[in-house]
Amino acid sequence: EAFKIAPSFIRIRNRITHSQVCCFAINIDDIETRALEASEAWDFTATPFLNAEEASAVEKRLCQRGDLAFRRVPSSSSERARFIFTNPELEITDASDYAVTLRIDNVALASVDPWANVLDSIGVELDKVGDILVVDGSSVFMAVDPSVAKSCSRLLPKQLPGAGVTVSLLESDDSIPNDGELQNMDFQRLDKRSQKRK
């Protein structure tokens, strides 16, 4: 049976725009309820991508329980992560339904707006995005929900500065560098006048 992604566990208190601050609050009780329901039904359920503090809170609360199996994706070391829950008798062998990695090349990184603003401008919500890592000052690796991978691949080359920006989907066995620079995912108010001068 195909994995199922449960409805979002995150309540968005403020609508996201370029000039607003994103404010999330997770409901761990709701996450726990859905996780236990999936376990009892021998099913799978997943959270959206959570920031580091939210992910830590979920892991501390739920991931030592004997009646749940879990997997943190894209990896156990990811700061922004989502969790897959199921019955302890089942194995979570394939996470590709929950997270894929995009590689972005030829970006003029010195001129890039804050990544949260860039993603918002193409209609991608932050609970669909994991860590963004810049490697060697030139390549960008971005973990995303598979449902937004095509939109990112199509729209980011038009939105990001640089000549010949490309976005490619990594295969599951492609290696991802672990020594890059993790990018801030906070929204920032942008000065439209300075943007026009770029």
Foldseek 3Di string as FASTA:
>chain_A
DDADEDPEQWDWPDDDDLADWTDIDGDLVVVVVVLLVQAVVQHKYKHFWDAQVVVVVNCVPPVVDPQKDKAWPPHPPFRGTMMMIYGPVDDDDDCLQFKWKKKKFFFPVVLFDAPLNLCVVLPHHCSQWTWWFDDPNTMIMTMGRPVCLVSCQPCVVVRTDGPPMGMDTDDPPDDDDPPTDTGDNIRDNDDVVVNVVD
